[in-house]
Amino acid sequence: MLLLLLAAGTLSGRAQSQQKPTGSEPAPEPAVPAILAAFDKYEVVGMSEAHGLKDVDDFILSLIRNPAFAEKVNDIAVECGNSLYQPVLDRYIAGEDVPFTEVRKVWRNTTQMMCGMSGFFEQVFPLVRAINQKLPPAKRLRVLAGDPPIDWDQVKNFQDHSKFVNRDASIASVMEKEVLSKHRKALMLFGTFHLMHGQGENAPDSVGAQAVSIYEKDYPNVTFVISDLLMFDADLLALPSSPFATWPIPSIARAKGTWLGALDLGHFSPPLMMIDQDCNVHNGFAKSLQRPMADLVDAFLYLAPQDLALWEQTPADIALDVDYRMELQRREALSGHGAATLKESNQEILNDAENPVFVLPRPPDPKLMVQDCIERKSRTTKPK
């Protein structure tokens, strides 16, 4: 069983250059109208968010602000939301008097460090709250927290933390209980790997059932999954120019039947580096992911040329909150991952500010991954 899954942010080691596959040309169309129209056929539309890509996050904000959005959608389900605080979130989104320092626990206290460091949710939750003030009660949006209900005040060791690692089961449960069983419409904002089709419990060589695939067992064909193209590697096809040069920005194109959808995942994402329970590092995708992209997602979102995309910057209120960032370091250590020092983290924030244009990050060092794994195992096997 694979215990740890890390995205290696490099194009090295990706699929070898190949000819453009057969299939029709993708037909890009304006993104916002196309996504809104998808809700006429599907109960759920899923796409990524808050993973450091400013263009993606800005697009989501513009989508939610569109007056037609609240006419089509009931709920927004988010990866960066601790379900422990759902009652607090409901009161805040409904417009009740909830201090911002209280509601921010929703995204600051998740299992994922990237949620607490992202400025996206410091904007999107207040934005939805403001939108709701302009809507009649029956039309108001609800935001659903999908992350497991972890209480960090009670997490003192790795064993405490390990009770909350099955995030996809939590996400699927929230979607089934709050959206699908009630026949509501929802925008799902989660990392793409949580959204992909065909990644259920019986998927071959899977790293674990993923959220959408879990609930698709009982609710098939209700989810429209969108993958952005910011990490697409056109060089692998040896094309004379970008295949998206004439696409409008922003635009969306269906995957099925196109040469783009016929490509495998290696063209759209750097390979994953995984470490198993025996601390062996594995490169590449699980067999369940070694399929044409049209089997995994339904459409592609184009927002900008890759070399002109932007990283999201760390907001000042987070960067200056030393107590919170020290707490994040504690959590990272308890989860079994090596945590950067505050000085190292400060330097990363400064580096990102000086270099806002998107560049794929370097992959994790396999030797450090093995070292962390061995140290983690030694901590969990020590006699009490």
Protein backbone atom coordinates (compact mmCIF):
# COMPACT_ATOMS: atom_id res chain seq x y z
CA MET A 1 0.00 0.00 0.00
CA LEU A 2 1.30 3.46 -0.90
CA LEU A 3 1.41 5.70 2.14
CA LEU A 4 2.60 9.02 0.79
CA LEU A 5 1.74 10.79 -2.45
CA LEU A 6 3.73 13.82 -3.54
CA ALA A 7 3.49 15.77 -6.77
CA ALA A 8 6.89 16.15 -8.32
CA GLY A 9 6.84 19.58 -9.89
CA THR A 10 9.17 18.95 -12.80
CA LEU A 11 8.80 18.13 -16.44
CA SER A 12 11.89 15.94 -16.44
CA GLY A 13 11.06 12.28 -16.61
CA ARG A 14 7.71 12.88 -18.24
CA ALA A 15 6.48 10.93 -21.23
CA GLN A 16 8.77 10.75 -24.23
CA SER A 17 8.09 12.95 -27.25
CA GLN A 18 5.44 11.44 -29.49
CA GLN A 19 3.30 12.21 -32.48
CA LYS A 20 0.06 14.06 -32.09
CA PRO A 21 -2.61 11.35 -31.63
CA THR A 22 -5.65 10.95 -33.82
CA GLY A 23 -8.87 12.65 -32.90
CA SER A 24 -10.82 15.76 -33.72
CA GLU A 25 -9.59 19.24 -32.92
CA PRO A 26 -10.78 20.51 -29.53
CA ALA A 27 -13.48 23.15 -29.87
CA PRO A 28 -12.82 25.93 -27.32
CA GLU A 29 -15.75 28.01 -26.16
CA PRO A 30 -16.05 30.85 -23.63
CA ALA A 31 -15.41 29.26 -20.24
CA VAL A 32 -17.95 30.91 -17.94
CA PRO A 33 -21.03 30.35 -20.14
CA ALA A 34 -19.91 26.77 -20.85
CA ILE A 35 -19.50 25.93 -17.17
CA LEU A 36 -22.82 27.50 -16.26
CA ALA A 37 -24.48 25.53 -19.08
CA ALA A 38 -22.94 22.31 -17.73
CA PHE A 39 -25.13 22.66 -14.64
CA ASP A 40 -28.18 22.15 -16.87
CA LYS A 41 -27.03 18.56 -17.48
CA TYR A 42 -24.92 17.73 -14.43
CA GLU A 43 -25.51 18.04 -10.70
CA VAL A 44 -21.84 18.69 -9.96
CA VAL A 45 -19.05 20.55 -11.75
CA GLY A 46 -15.57 19.94 -10.33
CA MET A 47 -12.34 21.88 -10.82
CA SER A 48 -9.11 22.64 -8.96
CA GLU A 49 -8.44 25.61 -6.68
CA ALA A 50 -5.98 27.17 -4.18
CA HIS A 51 -2.99 25.12 -5.30
CA GLY A 52 -0.83 28.17 -5.89
CA LEU A 53 -2.06 29.09 -9.39
CA LYS A 54 -3.38 32.64 -9.30
CA ASP A 55 -5.00 32.44 -12.74
CA VAL A 56 -7.16 29.51 -11.65
CA ASP A 57 -8.22 31.19 -8.41
CA ASP A 58 -9.00 34.49 -10.16
CA PHE A 59 -11.14 32.64 -12.70
CA ILE A 60 -13.14 30.94 -9.92
CA LEU A 61 -13.82 34.29 -8.28
CA SER A 62 -15.10 35.69 -11.57
CA LEU A 63 -17.28 32.61 -12.10
CA ILE A 64 -18.88 32.89 -8.66
CA ARG A 65 -19.48 36.63 -9.12
CA ASN A 66 -21.40 36.03 -12.35
CA PRO A 67 -25.08 36.82 -11.64
CA ALA A 68 -26.14 33.58 -13.38
CA PHE A 69 -24.08 31.44 -10.99
CA ALA A 70 -26.50 31.64 -8.08
CA GLU A 71 -29.36 30.90 -10.49
CA LYS A 72 -27.73 27.58 -11.40
CA VAL A 73 -25.87 26.51 -8.25
CA ASN A 74 -26.87 25.78 -4.65
CA ASP A 75 -23.57 24.79 -3.00
CA ILE A 76 -19.84 25.32 -3.26
CA ALA A 77 -17.90 22.37 -1.81
CA VAL A 78 -14.29 23.14 -0.91
CA GLU A 79 -11.17 21.13 -0.20
CA CYS A 80 -9.85 23.80 2.16
CA GLY A 81 -12.60 23.60 4.72
CA ASN A 82 -12.53 21.70 8.02
CA SER A 83 -15.94 20.04 8.39
CA LEU A 84 -15.60 20.37 12.18
CA TYR A 85 -16.48 24.03 11.73
CA GLN A 86 -19.42 23.61 9.31
CA PRO A 87 -21.90 25.23 11.76
CA VAL A 88 -19.62 28.28 12.08
CA LEU A 89 -19.21 28.43 8.31
CA ASP A 90 -22.97 28.21 7.75
CA ARG A 91 -23.61 31.13 10.10
CA TYR A 92 -20.90 33.25 8.49
CA ILE A 93 -21.99 32.56 4.90
CA ALA A 94 -25.61 33.28 5.89
CA GLY A 95 -24.54 36.77 7.00
CA GLU A 96 -24.64 36.34 10.76
CA ASP A 97 -22.26 38.25 13.02
CA VAL A 98 -19.30 35.85 13.11
CA PRO A 99 -15.83 37.34 13.74
CA PHE A 100 -13.41 36.77 10.88
CA THR A 101 -10.86 35.38 13.34
CA GLU A 102 -13.41 32.68 14.18
CA VAL A 103 -14.50 31.72 10.67
CA ARG A 104 -10.93 31.58 9.34
CA LYS A 105 -10.44 28.46 11.45
CA VAL A 106 -12.45 26.75 8.70
CA TRP A 107 -9.55 26.96 6.22
CA ARG A 108 -6.64 27.57 8.58
CA ASN A 109 -7.26 24.39 10.60
CA THR A 110 -7.51 21.78 7.85
CA THR A 111 -5.24 18.78 7.33
CA GLN A 112 -3.50 20.65 4.49
CA MET A 113 -0.86 23.29 5.17
CA MET A 114 -1.38 24.88 1.74
CA CYS A 115 -4.93 25.87 2.77
CA GLY A 116 -3.74 27.99 5.67
CA MET A 117 -1.12 29.75 3.56
CA SER A 118 -3.43 30.56 0.64
CA GLY A 119 -5.04 33.95 0.23
CA PHE A 120 -7.76 32.55 -2.03
CA PHE A 121 -10.03 31.48 0.80
CA GLU A 122 -9.55 34.76 2.61
CA GLN A 123 -11.35 36.17 -0.44
CA VAL A 124 -13.80 33.51 -1.56
CA PHE A 125 -15.64 33.04 1.75
CA PRO A 126 -16.25 36.79 2.26
CA LEU A 127 -17.21 37.02 -1.43
CA VAL A 128 -19.90 34.34 -1.11
CA ARG A 129 -21.14 35.99 2.08
CA ALA A 130 -21.45 39.32 0.23
CA ILE A 131 -23.21 37.70 -2.74
CA ASN A 132 -25.73 36.11 -0.39
CA GLN A 133 -26.67 39.50 1.01
CA LYS A 134 -27.99 40.43 -2.44
CA LEU A 135 -30.02 37.23 -2.88
CA PRO A 136 -33.40 36.14 -1.53
CA PRO A 137 -33.08 33.42 1.15
CA ALA A 138 -34.16 30.62 -1.21
CA LYS A 139 -31.38 31.48 -3.67
CA ARG A 140 -28.51 31.90 -1.22
CA LEU A 141 -25.39 29.80 -1.67
CA ARG A 142 -24.09 27.36 0.91
CA VAL A 143 -20.40 26.51 1.28
CA LEU A 144 -19.57 22.94 2.29
CA ALA A 145 -16.34 22.00 4.06
CA GLY A 146 -14.99 18.71 2.72
CA ASP A 147 -11.89 18.10 4.83
CA PRO A 148 -12.08 15.64 7.77
CA PRO A 149 -13.15 17.13 11.15
CA ILE A 150 -9.71 17.29 12.70
CA ASP A 151 -9.34 19.15 16.01
CA TRP A 152 -5.70 20.23 16.12
CA ASP A 153 -5.91 21.00 19.83
CA GLN A 154 -6.35 17.27 20.39
CA VAL A 155 -3.66 16.10 17.93
CA LYS A 156 -0.52 15.36 19.91
CA ASN A 157 1.26 12.69 17.83
CA PHE A 158 1.39 10.91 14.50
CA GLN A 159 -1.21 8.36 15.56
CA ASP A 160 -3.68 11.14 16.38
CA HIS A 161 -3.10 12.68 12.97
CA SER A 162 -3.37 9.40 11.07
CA LYS A 163 -7.06 9.12 12.02
CA PHE A 164 -7.81 11.92 9.57
CA VAL A 165 -5.78 10.97 6.50
CA ASN A 166 -8.68 9.49 4.50
CA ARG A 167 -9.70 12.79 3.03
CA ASP A 168 -11.45 11.40 -0.05
CA ALA A 169 -13.88 9.39 2.04
CA SER A 170 -14.75 12.57 3.93
CA ILE A 171 -15.25 14.53 0.72
CA ALA A 172 -17.45 11.83 -0.82
CA SER A 173 -19.53 11.61 2.36
CA VAL A 174 -20.19 15.35 2.40
CA MET A 175 -21.15 15.33 -1.28
CA GLU A 176 -23.51 12.38 -0.88
CA LYS A 177 -25.18 13.67 2.27
CA GLU A 178 -25.44 17.39 1.52
CA VAL A 179 -25.66 17.56 -2.28
CA LEU A 180 -26.48 14.39 -4.18
CA SER A 181 -29.10 12.88 -1.88
CA LYS A 182 -30.87 16.26 -1.82
CA HIS A 183 -30.65 16.75 -5.62
CA ARG A 184 -28.82 20.03 -5.23
CA LYS A 185 -26.29 21.54 -7.64
CA ALA A 186 -22.70 22.06 -6.49
CA LEU A 187 -19.40 23.47 -7.66
CA MET A 188 -16.61 21.25 -6.29
CA LEU A 189 -13.29 23.01 -5.69
CA PHE A 190 -10.68 20.31 -5.10
CA GLY A 191 -7.35 19.19 -6.50
CA THR A 192 -7.88 17.43 -9.83
CA PHE A 193 -6.78 14.02 -8.55
CA HIS A 194 -9.69 14.03 -6.09
CA LEU A 195 -12.09 14.63 -8.98
CA MET A 196 -11.01 12.14 -11.62
CA HIS A 197 -13.35 9.44 -12.89
CA GLY A 198 -12.48 5.74 -12.67
CA GLN A 199 -10.45 5.92 -9.46
CA GLY A 200 -12.68 3.86 -7.18
CA GLU A 201 -11.81 1.04 -4.79
CA ASN A 202 -11.50 -1.51 -7.61
CA ALA A 203 -9.26 0.57 -9.85
CA PRO A 204 -6.08 -1.38 -10.79
CA ASP A 205 -2.96 -0.47 -8.81
CA SER A 206 -4.77 2.54 -7.37
CA VAL A 207 -3.26 4.71 -4.65
CA GLY A 208 -6.67 4.81 -3.01
CA ALA A 209 -10.22 5.57 -4.03
CA GLN A 210 -10.73 9.22 -4.96
CA ALA A 211 -13.70 11.32 -3.89
CA VAL A 212 -15.73 11.60 -7.09
CA SER A 213 -15.09 7.99 -8.01
CA ILE A 214 -16.27 6.90 -4.55
CA TYR A 215 -19.67 8.50 -4.86
CA GLU A 216 -20.02 7.67 -8.57
CA LYS A 217 -20.68 4.08 -7.49
CA ASP A 218 -24.12 5.25 -6.37
CA TYR A 219 -24.39 8.48 -8.35
CA PRO A 220 -22.93 7.83 -11.81
CA ASN A 221 -22.83 10.35 -14.65
CA VAL A 222 -23.72 13.37 -12.53
CA THR A 223 -20.29 15.04 -12.34
CA PHE A 224 -18.54 17.17 -14.97
CA VAL A 225 -14.79 17.31 -14.25
CA ILE A 226 -12.56 20.10 -15.57
CA SER A 227 -8.75 20.04 -15.65
CA ASP A 228 -6.76 23.20 -16.28
CA LEU A 229 -4.00 23.25 -18.89
CA LEU A 230 -1.36 25.27 -17.05
CA MET A 231 0.95 22.26 -16.72
CA PHE A 232 0.34 20.88 -20.20
CA ASP A 233 3.65 20.02 -21.90
CA ALA A 234 3.29 20.84 -25.60
CA ASP A 235 6.98 20.05 -26.15
CA LEU A 236 6.22 16.35 -25.78
CA LEU A 237 4.32 16.48 -29.07
CA ALA A 238 7.10 18.30 -30.96
CA LEU A 239 4.57 20.82 -32.27
CA PRO A 240 5.84 23.94 -34.10
CA SER A 241 3.73 26.21 -31.86
CA SER A 242 1.38 26.09 -28.91
CA PRO A 243 -1.84 24.25 -29.78
CA PHE A 244 -3.71 26.84 -27.72
CA ALA A 245 -2.33 29.98 -29.38
CA THR A 246 -5.66 30.81 -31.03
CA TRP A 247 -7.86 29.81 -28.11
CA PRO A 248 -9.79 32.62 -26.43
CA ILE A 249 -8.97 33.37 -22.77
CA PRO A 250 -10.61 31.98 -20.74
CA SER A 251 -11.99 29.03 -22.67
CA ILE A 252 -13.07 25.45 -22.13
CA ALA A 253 -12.95 22.48 -24.53
CA ARG A 254 -14.50 19.04 -24.22
CA ALA A 255 -12.08 16.11 -24.00
CA LYS A 256 -14.02 13.21 -25.51
CA GLY A 257 -13.17 12.35 -29.10
CA THR A 258 -10.36 14.92 -29.40
CA TRP A 259 -6.63 14.39 -29.89
CA LEU A 260 -6.12 16.32 -26.63
CA GLY A 261 -8.35 13.91 -24.72
CA ALA A 262 -6.52 10.96 -26.28
CA LEU A 263 -3.26 11.98 -24.60
CA ASP A 264 -2.27 10.35 -21.33
CA LEU A 265 -1.96 12.07 -17.97
CA GLY A 266 1.81 12.47 -18.34
CA HIS A 267 1.23 15.34 -20.79
CA PHE A 268 -0.86 17.28 -18.29
CA SER A 269 0.89 16.70 -14.98
CA PRO A 270 4.40 15.96 -13.77
CA PRO A 271 4.82 12.35 -12.65
CA LEU A 272 4.02 11.53 -9.06
CA MET A 273 6.68 10.42 -6.61
CA MET A 274 5.29 7.90 -4.14
CA ILE A 275 6.80 6.12 -1.18
CA ASP A 276 5.46 2.80 0.09
CA GLN A 277 5.22 1.38 3.60
CA ASP A 278 8.74 -0.05 3.25
CA CYS A 279 10.17 3.39 2.38
CA ASN A 280 10.75 2.57 -1.29
CA VAL A 281 10.30 5.48 -3.72
CA HIS A 282 8.27 4.90 -6.88
CA ASN A 283 8.05 7.23 -9.88
CA GLY A 284 5.13 7.50 -12.25
CA PHE A 285 1.39 7.11 -12.15
CA ALA A 286 -0.65 4.21 -10.83
CA LYS A 287 -2.11 1.92 -13.50
CA SER A 288 -5.56 3.33 -12.85
CA LEU A 289 -4.25 6.72 -14.03
CA GLN A 290 -2.42 5.41 -17.10
CA ARG A 291 -5.34 6.11 -19.39
CA PRO A 292 -6.41 8.73 -21.92
CA MET A 293 -7.34 11.97 -20.20
CA ALA A 294 -10.83 11.74 -21.68
CA ASP A 295 -11.40 8.74 -19.37
CA LEU A 296 -10.39 10.79 -16.33
CA VAL A 297 -11.84 14.25 -16.98
CA ASP A 298 -14.51 15.77 -19.18
CA ALA A 299 -13.05 19.10 -20.27
CA PHE A 300 -9.97 21.31 -20.26
CA LEU A 301 -9.75 24.90 -19.03
CA TYR A 302 -7.36 27.31 -20.74
CA LEU A 303 -6.50 30.48 -18.84
CA ALA A 304 -3.10 31.70 -20.02
CA PRO A 305 0.08 30.65 -21.81
CA GLN A 306 2.12 28.60 -19.35
CA ASP A 307 5.04 31.03 -19.40
CA LEU A 308 2.74 33.95 -18.55
CA ALA A 309 0.75 32.34 -15.74
CA LEU A 310 1.21 33.64 -12.21
CA TRP A 311 1.81 32.16 -8.78
CA GLU A 312 -0.42 33.18 -5.92
CA GLN A 313 1.43 35.27 -3.32
CA THR A 314 1.25 34.79 0.45
CA PRO A 315 -0.91 37.52 2.03
CA ALA A 316 0.77 39.79 4.57
CA ASP A 317 -1.64 38.87 7.39
CA ILE A 318 -0.52 35.24 7.07
CA ALA A 319 3.17 35.98 6.56
CA LEU A 320 3.23 38.19 9.68
CA ASP A 321 1.27 35.79 11.88
CA VAL A 322 4.27 34.10 13.49
CA ASP A 323 2.22 32.20 16.08
CA TYR A 324 0.05 30.60 13.41
CA ARG A 325 3.00 29.73 11.20
CA MET A 326 4.77 28.09 14.14
CA GLU A 327 1.61 26.08 14.72
CA LEU A 328 1.68 25.01 11.06
CA GLN A 329 5.23 23.77 11.60
CA ARG A 330 4.05 21.73 14.57
CA ARG A 331 1.26 20.20 12.50
CA GLU A 332 3.57 19.41 9.62
CA ALA A 333 5.93 17.58 11.98
CA LEU A 334 3.06 15.61 13.53
CA SER A 335 1.90 14.51 10.08
CA GLY A 336 5.27 12.88 9.49
CA HIS A 337 6.59 15.40 6.98
CA GLY A 338 9.74 17.42 7.36
CA ALA A 339 8.88 21.06 8.13
CA ALA A 340 10.89 24.05 6.94
CA THR A 341 12.14 26.44 9.61
CA LEU A 342 10.46 29.82 9.91
CA LYS A 343 13.54 31.44 8.41
CA GLU A 344 13.47 29.06 5.43
CA SER A 345 9.75 29.64 4.99
CA ASN A 346 10.23 33.41 5.10
CA GLN A 347 12.83 33.14 2.37
CA GLU A 348 10.45 31.09 0.23
CA ILE A 349 7.79 33.79 0.61
CA LEU A 350 10.29 36.46 -0.46
CA ASN A 351 11.47 34.36 -3.40
CA ASP A 352 7.89 33.87 -4.57
CA ALA A 353 7.25 37.61 -4.32
CA GLU A 354 10.32 38.34 -6.44
CA ASN A 355 9.41 35.68 -9.00
CA PRO A 356 5.62 35.72 -9.47
CA VAL A 357 5.62 34.22 -12.97
CA PHE A 358 4.73 30.54 -12.96
CA VAL A 359 7.64 28.10 -13.05
CA LEU A 360 7.27 24.42 -12.26
CA PRO A 361 8.91 23.74 -8.88
CA ARG A 362 11.70 21.28 -8.38
CA PRO A 363 10.78 17.72 -7.38
CA PRO A 364 11.26 16.46 -3.84
CA ASP A 365 14.59 14.81 -3.10
CA PRO A 366 14.03 11.00 -3.05
CA LYS A 367 16.77 10.59 -0.42
CA LEU A 368 15.01 13.03 1.90
CA MET A 369 11.71 11.24 1.28
CA VAL A 370 13.27 7.94 2.35
CA GLN A 371 14.92 9.57 5.37
CA ASP A 372 11.61 11.13 6.47
CA CYS A 373 9.84 7.80 6.01
CA ILE A 374 12.38 5.91 8.11
CA GLU A 375 12.25 8.52 10.86
CA ARG A 376 8.46 8.45 10.83
CA LYS A 377 8.40 4.67 11.12
CA SER A 378 10.88 4.76 13.98
CA ARG A 379 8.67 7.18 15.89
CA THR A 380 5.58 5.02 15.44
CA THR A 381 7.30 1.77 16.45
CA LYS A 382 9.02 3.01 19.60
CA PRO A 383 7.65 1.36 22.74
CA LYS A 384 5.64 3.65 25.01
